[in-house]
N, C-alpha and C. Protein backbone atom coordinates (compact mmCIF):
# COMPACT_ATOMS: atom_id res chain seq x y z
N MET A 1 2.21 -62.17 -14.21
CA MET A 1 2.79 -60.22 -13.77
C MET A 1 2.54 -59.83 -16.35
N PRO A 2 2.61 -58.95 -16.37
CA PRO A 2 2.80 -58.65 -18.09
C PRO A 2 3.80 -57.98 -17.90
N ALA A 3 5.22 -57.94 -18.76
CA ALA A 3 6.04 -57.17 -18.73
C ALA A 3 6.03 -56.41 -18.84
N ARG A 4 6.65 -54.75 -18.81
CA ARG A 4 7.13 -53.39 -18.52
C ARG A 4 7.34 -53.04 -20.23
N ARG A 5 6.76 -52.98 -21.27
CA ARG A 5 7.46 -52.16 -21.56
C ARG A 5 8.40 -51.40 -21.95
N PRO A 6 9.63 -51.31 -23.06
CA PRO A 6 10.73 -50.51 -22.71
C PRO A 6 9.56 -49.03 -23.44
N GLY A 7 9.81 -47.86 -22.82
CA GLY A 7 9.46 -46.51 -23.03
C GLY A 7 7.93 -45.68 -23.04
N ARG A 8 7.41 -47.06 -21.96
CA ARG A 8 5.41 -46.73 -21.28
C ARG A 8 6.02 -46.59 -19.80
N GLY A 9 5.00 -46.07 -19.52
CA GLY A 9 5.03 -45.88 -18.04
C GLY A 9 4.39 -44.32 -18.07
N ASP A 10 5.44 -43.29 -16.51
CA ASP A 10 5.31 -42.59 -16.18
C ASP A 10 6.40 -41.63 -16.70
N ARG A 11 7.47 -42.64 -16.90
CA ARG A 11 8.36 -40.96 -17.81
C ARG A 11 7.42 -39.90 -18.10
N GLY A 12 8.11 -38.85 -18.00
CA GLY A 12 8.15 -37.25 -18.17
C GLY A 12 6.21 -36.33 -17.70
N GLN A 13 6.10 -37.76 -16.26
CA GLN A 13 4.77 -36.89 -15.72
C GLN A 13 5.08 -36.19 -15.08
N VAL A 14 6.27 -36.11 -14.22
CA VAL A 14 6.83 -34.30 -13.49
C VAL A 14 6.93 -33.40 -14.48
N ALA A 15 7.73 -33.67 -15.80
CA ALA A 15 7.71 -32.29 -16.08
C ALA A 15 6.56 -31.71 -16.08
N ILE A 16 5.21 -32.44 -17.20
CA ILE A 16 4.25 -32.10 -17.39
C ILE A 16 3.14 -31.22 -16.50
N GLU A 17 4.24 -32.05 -14.94
CA GLU A 17 2.74 -30.97 -13.55
C GLU A 17 3.19 -30.19 -13.85
N PHE A 18 4.47 -29.84 -13.30
CA PHE A 18 5.51 -29.00 -12.92
C PHE A 18 5.11 -27.54 -13.71
N VAL A 19 4.95 -27.93 -15.92
CA VAL A 19 4.81 -26.96 -16.94
C VAL A 19 3.40 -26.46 -16.76
N GLY A 20 2.80 -27.71 -15.65
CA GLY A 20 1.27 -27.48 -15.02
C GLY A 20 1.06 -26.06 -14.08
N THR A 21 1.77 -26.26 -13.00
CA THR A 21 1.42 -25.80 -11.82
C THR A 21 2.42 -24.68 -11.67
N VAL A 22 3.21 -23.73 -12.32
CA VAL A 22 4.03 -23.20 -12.79
C VAL A 22 3.49 -21.13 -13.02
N PRO A 23 2.42 -21.41 -13.69
CA PRO A 23 0.83 -20.86 -13.77
C PRO A 23 0.13 -20.39 -12.78
N LEU A 24 -0.09 -21.14 -12.04
CA LEU A 24 -0.63 -21.42 -10.61
C LEU A 24 0.60 -20.93 -9.55
N ILE A 25 1.99 -21.21 -9.90
CA ILE A 25 2.39 -20.90 -8.48
C ILE A 25 2.02 -19.19 -8.51
N LEU A 26 2.75 -18.66 -9.98
CA LEU A 26 2.82 -17.61 -9.88
C LEU A 26 2.16 -16.16 -9.85
N LEU A 27 1.35 -16.47 -10.07
CA LEU A 27 -0.42 -16.13 -9.46
C LEU A 27 -0.35 -15.89 -7.98
N LEU A 28 -0.41 -17.43 -7.26
CA LEU A 28 -0.50 -17.05 -5.80
C LEU A 28 0.31 -16.04 -5.61
N VAL A 29 1.56 -15.62 -6.03
CA VAL A 29 3.01 -15.07 -5.97
C VAL A 29 2.83 -13.55 -6.34
N ALA A 30 1.99 -13.84 -6.77
CA ALA A 30 1.36 -12.01 -7.15
C ALA A 30 0.25 -11.56 -6.39
N ALA A 31 -0.51 -12.40 -6.08
CA ALA A 31 -1.67 -12.34 -4.86
C ALA A 31 -1.32 -11.82 -3.76
N VAL A 32 0.10 -12.74 -3.42
CA VAL A 32 0.32 -11.91 -2.01
C VAL A 32 1.57 -11.38 -1.93
N TRP A 33 1.60 -10.51 -3.21
CA TRP A 33 2.16 -9.46 -3.28
C TRP A 33 1.81 -8.49 -3.22
N GLU A 34 -0.06 -8.99 -3.72
CA GLU A 34 -0.52 -7.87 -3.88
C GLU A 34 -1.66 -7.06 -3.08
N CYS A 35 -1.03 -8.81 -1.62
CA CYS A 35 -1.76 -8.00 -0.04
C CYS A 35 -0.28 -7.27 0.23
N VAL A 36 1.26 -8.02 0.17
CA VAL A 36 1.08 -6.77 0.96
C VAL A 36 1.30 -4.87 0.33
N LEU A 37 1.20 -5.32 -0.33
CA LEU A 37 1.58 -3.64 -1.22
C LEU A 37 0.79 -2.73 -0.62
N ILE A 38 -0.68 -3.39 -0.47
CA ILE A 38 -1.88 -2.99 -0.15
C ILE A 38 -1.33 -2.34 1.48
N GLY A 39 -1.68 -3.71 1.79
CA GLY A 39 -1.57 -3.78 3.58
C GLY A 39 -0.15 -2.30 3.50
N TYR A 40 1.32 -2.32 2.99
CA TYR A 40 1.40 -0.67 3.57
C TYR A 40 1.99 0.11 2.74
N ALA A 41 0.04 0.03 1.66
CA ALA A 41 -0.48 1.87 1.85
C ALA A 41 -1.19 2.07 3.24
N PHE A 42 -1.61 1.34 3.55
CA PHE A 42 -2.52 1.31 4.69
C PHE A 42 -1.17 2.47 6.13
N SER A 43 -0.61 1.32 5.27
CA SER A 43 0.34 1.38 7.02
C SER A 43 1.62 3.03 6.38
N LEU A 44 1.61 3.22 5.10
CA LEU A 44 1.34 5.00 4.98
C LEU A 44 1.12 6.13 5.19
N ALA A 45 0.02 5.46 4.43
CA ALA A 45 -1.55 6.60 4.90
C ALA A 45 -1.59 7.30 5.78
N GLY A 46 -1.76 5.60 6.83
CA GLY A 46 -2.09 5.52 8.31
C GLY A 46 -0.66 7.08 8.87
N ASN A 47 0.76 6.65 8.77
CA ASN A 47 1.88 7.59 9.48
C ASN A 47 1.13 8.57 9.05
N ALA A 48 1.56 8.59 7.39
CA ALA A 48 1.75 10.16 7.08
C ALA A 48 0.65 11.08 7.68
N ALA A 49 -1.15 10.43 8.02
CA ALA A 49 -1.27 11.04 7.79
C ALA A 49 -1.56 11.65 9.25
N ASP A 50 -0.71 10.88 10.04
CA ASP A 50 -0.08 10.77 11.24
C ASP A 50 1.10 12.35 11.63
N GLU A 51 1.58 12.46 11.27
CA GLU A 51 2.85 13.58 11.13
C GLU A 51 2.80 14.16 9.56
N ALA A 52 1.30 14.86 9.29
CA ALA A 52 0.39 15.66 8.79
C ALA A 52 -0.28 16.25 10.17
N ALA A 53 -1.02 15.92 10.04
CA ALA A 53 -1.99 16.68 12.16
C ALA A 53 -1.42 17.38 12.41
N ARG A 54 0.70 16.65 12.90
CA ARG A 54 0.73 16.85 14.06
C ARG A 54 2.02 17.97 13.78
N ALA A 55 2.38 18.58 12.28
CA ALA A 55 2.60 18.88 11.62
C ALA A 55 1.69 20.46 12.15
N GLY A 56 0.81 19.97 11.30
CA GLY A 56 -0.16 21.43 11.50
C GLY A 56 -1.04 21.87 12.47
N ALA A 57 -1.35 20.89 13.17
CA ALA A 57 -1.31 21.65 15.51
C ALA A 57 -0.39 22.34 15.84
N VAL A 58 1.13 21.71 14.94
CA VAL A 58 2.08 22.83 15.79
C VAL A 58 2.26 24.18 14.92
N ALA A 59 1.91 24.50 14.45
CA ALA A 59 2.93 25.28 12.55
C ALA A 59 1.78 26.26 13.12
N LYS A 60 2.44 27.50 13.25
CA LYS A 60 2.16 28.79 14.12
C LYS A 60 0.53 28.91 12.70
N GLY A 61 -0.89 28.95 13.38
CA GLY A 61 -1.46 28.99 12.82
C GLY A 61 -2.67 27.94 12.16
N GLY A 62 -1.94 28.14 12.23
CA GLY A 62 -2.28 25.78 11.67
C GLY A 62 -2.41 26.53 9.82
N ASP A 63 -1.33 26.27 9.97
CA ASP A 63 -0.31 25.88 8.35
C ASP A 63 -0.97 25.17 7.43
N ARG A 64 -1.35 25.66 6.20
CA ARG A 64 -1.30 24.68 5.62
C ARG A 64 -0.97 23.63 5.03
N ASP A 65 0.01 24.38 4.26
CA ASP A 65 1.46 24.34 3.79
C ASP A 65 2.22 23.28 4.76
N ALA A 66 2.70 23.72 5.75
CA ALA A 66 3.16 22.37 6.95
C ALA A 66 3.02 21.47 6.86
N CYS A 67 1.67 20.92 6.59
CA CYS A 67 0.50 19.39 6.88
C CYS A 67 0.84 19.25 5.85
N LYS A 68 0.73 19.31 5.05
CA LYS A 68 0.85 18.51 3.36
C LYS A 68 2.00 18.43 3.69
N ALA A 69 3.36 19.49 3.31
CA ALA A 69 4.30 19.50 3.04
C ALA A 69 5.43 17.52 4.20
N ALA A 70 4.82 17.98 6.26
CA ALA A 70 4.93 16.30 6.64
C ALA A 70 4.10 15.57 6.22
N ALA A 71 2.74 15.35 5.09
CA ALA A 71 2.98 14.43 4.32
C ALA A 71 3.32 13.82 3.87
N GLU A 72 4.08 14.74 2.43
CA GLU A 72 4.94 15.10 1.70
C GLU A 72 6.20 14.11 1.92
N GLU A 73 6.27 13.93 2.88
CA GLU A 73 7.88 13.78 3.17
C GLU A 73 8.51 12.71 2.78
N HIS A 74 8.42 11.45 3.24
CA HIS A 74 8.61 10.08 2.74
C HIS A 74 7.94 9.34 1.80
N ILE A 75 6.49 9.95 1.88
CA ILE A 75 5.66 9.22 0.69
C ILE A 75 6.07 9.30 -1.52
N SER A 76 6.06 8.74 -1.83
CA SER A 76 6.66 8.66 -3.55
C SER A 76 5.97 9.29 -4.32
N PRO A 77 6.19 10.10 -5.15
CA PRO A 77 5.13 10.61 -6.45
C PRO A 77 4.25 9.50 -6.93
N ALA A 78 4.97 8.35 -6.77
CA ALA A 78 4.30 7.38 -7.63
C ALA A 78 2.96 6.38 -6.64
N TRP A 79 2.66 7.02 -5.03
CA TRP A 79 1.93 6.82 -4.45
C TRP A 79 0.24 7.45 -4.88
N GLY A 80 0.66 8.65 -5.75
CA GLY A 80 -0.65 9.27 -5.99
C GLY A 80 -1.43 10.12 -4.62
N MET A 81 -0.61 10.33 -3.74
CA MET A 81 -0.55 11.37 -2.50
C MET A 81 -1.54 12.51 -2.83
N ARG A 82 -2.71 12.74 -1.95
CA ARG A 82 -3.29 13.98 -1.77
C ARG A 82 -3.21 14.11 -0.36
N ALA A 83 -3.70 15.48 0.48
CA ALA A 83 -3.35 15.35 1.72
C ALA A 83 -4.36 16.68 1.67
N ASP A 84 -5.15 16.34 3.01
CA ASP A 84 -6.31 17.41 3.50
C ASP A 84 -5.74 18.21 4.63
N CYS A 85 -6.12 19.37 4.57
CA CYS A 85 -6.25 18.89 6.05
C CYS A 85 -6.20 20.20 6.61
N VAL A 86 -6.99 20.87 8.33
CA VAL A 86 -8.24 20.92 8.84
C VAL A 86 -7.99 21.40 8.98
N PRO A 87 -7.98 22.66 9.88
CA PRO A 87 -8.04 22.49 12.31
C PRO A 87 -10.33 22.75 12.18
N SER A 88 -10.27 21.86 13.98
CA SER A 88 -11.90 21.28 13.50
C SER A 88 -12.26 21.89 15.58
N GLY A 89 -12.13 23.00 15.47
CA GLY A 89 -12.14 23.68 17.65
C GLY A 89 -10.34 23.23 17.62
N ASP A 90 -10.54 22.00 18.45
CA ASP A 90 -9.18 22.06 19.30
C ASP A 90 -8.65 20.76 18.38
N ILE A 91 -8.99 20.30 17.60
CA ILE A 91 -7.91 19.42 17.48
C ILE A 91 -7.37 20.11 14.97
N TYR A 92 -6.57 19.59 15.08
CA TYR A 92 -6.25 19.68 13.88
C TYR A 92 -5.98 18.08 13.05
N LYS A 93 -7.16 18.18 12.49
CA LYS A 93 -7.31 16.74 11.17
C LYS A 93 -6.39 17.20 9.62
N ALA A 94 -6.11 15.38 9.74
CA ALA A 94 -5.47 15.52 8.30
C ALA A 94 -5.76 14.09 7.28
N THR A 95 -6.05 13.92 6.11
CA THR A 95 -7.02 13.48 5.49
C THR A 95 -5.32 12.72 4.81
N VAL A 96 -5.10 11.62 4.43
CA VAL A 96 -3.95 11.46 3.26
C VAL A 96 -4.20 10.22 2.23
N THR A 97 -4.61 10.16 1.00
CA THR A 97 -5.26 9.66 0.61
C THR A 97 -4.28 8.61 -0.40
N LEU A 98 -4.36 7.74 -0.68
CA LEU A 98 -2.95 7.31 -1.56
C LEU A 98 -4.03 5.94 -2.74
N LYS A 99 -3.48 6.07 -4.18
CA LYS A 99 -4.18 4.78 -4.70
C LYS A 99 -3.25 4.03 -4.34
N ILE A 100 -3.90 2.84 -4.59
CA ILE A 100 -3.93 1.35 -4.19
C ILE A 100 -2.67 0.47 -5.87
N PRO A 101 -2.07 0.61 -5.30
CA PRO A 101 -0.82 0.14 -6.30
C PRO A 101 -1.88 -1.72 -6.81
N VAL A 102 -1.37 -1.70 -8.21
CA VAL A 102 -1.74 -3.09 -8.69
C VAL A 102 -0.46 -3.60 -8.98
N LEU A 103 0.31 -4.59 -7.92
CA LEU A 103 2.01 -5.30 -8.52
C LEU A 103 3.14 -4.14 -8.01
N TYR A 104 2.73 -2.81 -8.49
CA TYR A 104 4.07 -2.12 -8.30
C TYR A 104 3.88 -0.56 -8.12
N PRO A 105 3.76 0.23 -6.86
CA PRO A 105 3.34 1.27 -7.03
C PRO A 105 2.97 2.54 -8.44
N GLY A 106 2.18 2.92 -9.38
CA GLY A 106 1.85 4.05 -10.27
C GLY A 106 0.39 2.81 -11.43
N LEU A 107 0.70 2.08 -10.64
CA LEU A 107 -0.05 1.01 -11.98
C LEU A 107 -1.42 0.74 -10.38
N ASN A 108 -2.32 1.52 -11.09
CA ASN A 108 -3.28 1.93 -9.66
C ASN A 108 -4.72 1.60 -9.99
N PHE A 109 -5.51 0.66 -9.03
CA PHE A 109 -6.39 0.58 -9.07
C PHE A 109 -7.96 0.94 -8.54
N GLY A 110 -6.84 1.93 -7.20
CA GLY A 110 -8.57 2.43 -5.97
C GLY A 110 -7.97 3.69 -5.84
N GLU A 111 -8.45 3.73 -3.87
CA GLU A 111 -7.65 4.85 -3.32
C GLU A 111 -7.91 3.93 -1.84
N ILE A 112 -7.05 4.42 -1.06
CA ILE A 112 -6.95 4.07 0.22
C ILE A 112 -6.37 5.48 1.37
N THR A 113 -7.57 5.58 2.47
CA THR A 113 -8.09 6.59 3.26
C THR A 113 -7.19 6.65 5.21
N GLY A 114 -5.66 7.63 5.09
CA GLY A 114 -5.32 7.36 5.79
C GLY A 114 -6.11 8.14 6.72
N THR A 115 -6.41 8.25 8.28
CA THR A 115 -7.11 10.13 9.06
C THR A 115 -6.07 9.98 10.12
N ALA A 116 -6.04 11.11 10.85
CA ALA A 116 -5.68 11.47 12.47
C ALA A 116 -5.88 12.95 12.57
N GLY A 117 -5.56 13.05 13.99
CA GLY A 117 -5.83 14.59 14.53
C GLY A 117 -5.50 14.37 15.31
N ALA A 118 -4.32 15.55 15.58
CA ALA A 118 -3.70 16.48 17.41
C ALA A 118 -4.65 17.37 17.71
N ALA A 119 -4.28 17.45 18.70
CA ALA A 119 -4.50 19.11 19.65
C ALA A 119 -3.49 19.85 19.46
N MET A 120 -4.35 20.78 18.68
CA MET A 120 -4.33 22.30 18.22
C MET A 120 -3.22 22.76 19.34
N GLU A 121 -1.41 23.55 18.61
CA GLU A 121 -1.14 23.92 20.25
C GLU A 121 -0.95 25.39 20.36
N ARG A 122 -0.66 25.53 21.58
CA ARG A 122 -2.29 27.21 21.30
C ARG A 122 -0.04 28.58 22.02
N GLU A 123 -0.07 29.14 22.24
CA GLU A 123 0.73 29.71 22.43
C GLU A 123 0.38 30.53 23.66
C-alpha cells in the first residue's frame, strides 16, 4: 500500500459540496414558501367571500357596499382584492379575487378566486 502524501485527499470536499448545494436548498425553500402563500391566498379568498356573502344577505336590500366592506375588512391592499357581490334569487353571491403573490404579497403573477353564497334574509 503506497504512503499518502500530505496535502492530498478529500480535504476541502465538504466545503465545496456545501457551496454547491446551498443554491439548491434556497430554491427549495423559496418553492415551499410560494406553496404556503398560494394556500394562504385560497384561504383568504374563501373566508372573505363567506363574510361578504353573509354581510350582503343580511344588509337591507342586499347592499353591495356592505358586502364589499366585509370582504375588505381582513385583507391587506397588497393582495389586490376585487369583490363582486350580486343577489341571485334567494341567494346572495359573492366572488372575491386575490392576486397570487410571488414570494411576498405585492409582487403578483396570477389570480385566485373564492366564491360563496348565503340565503337572503327576509324582513
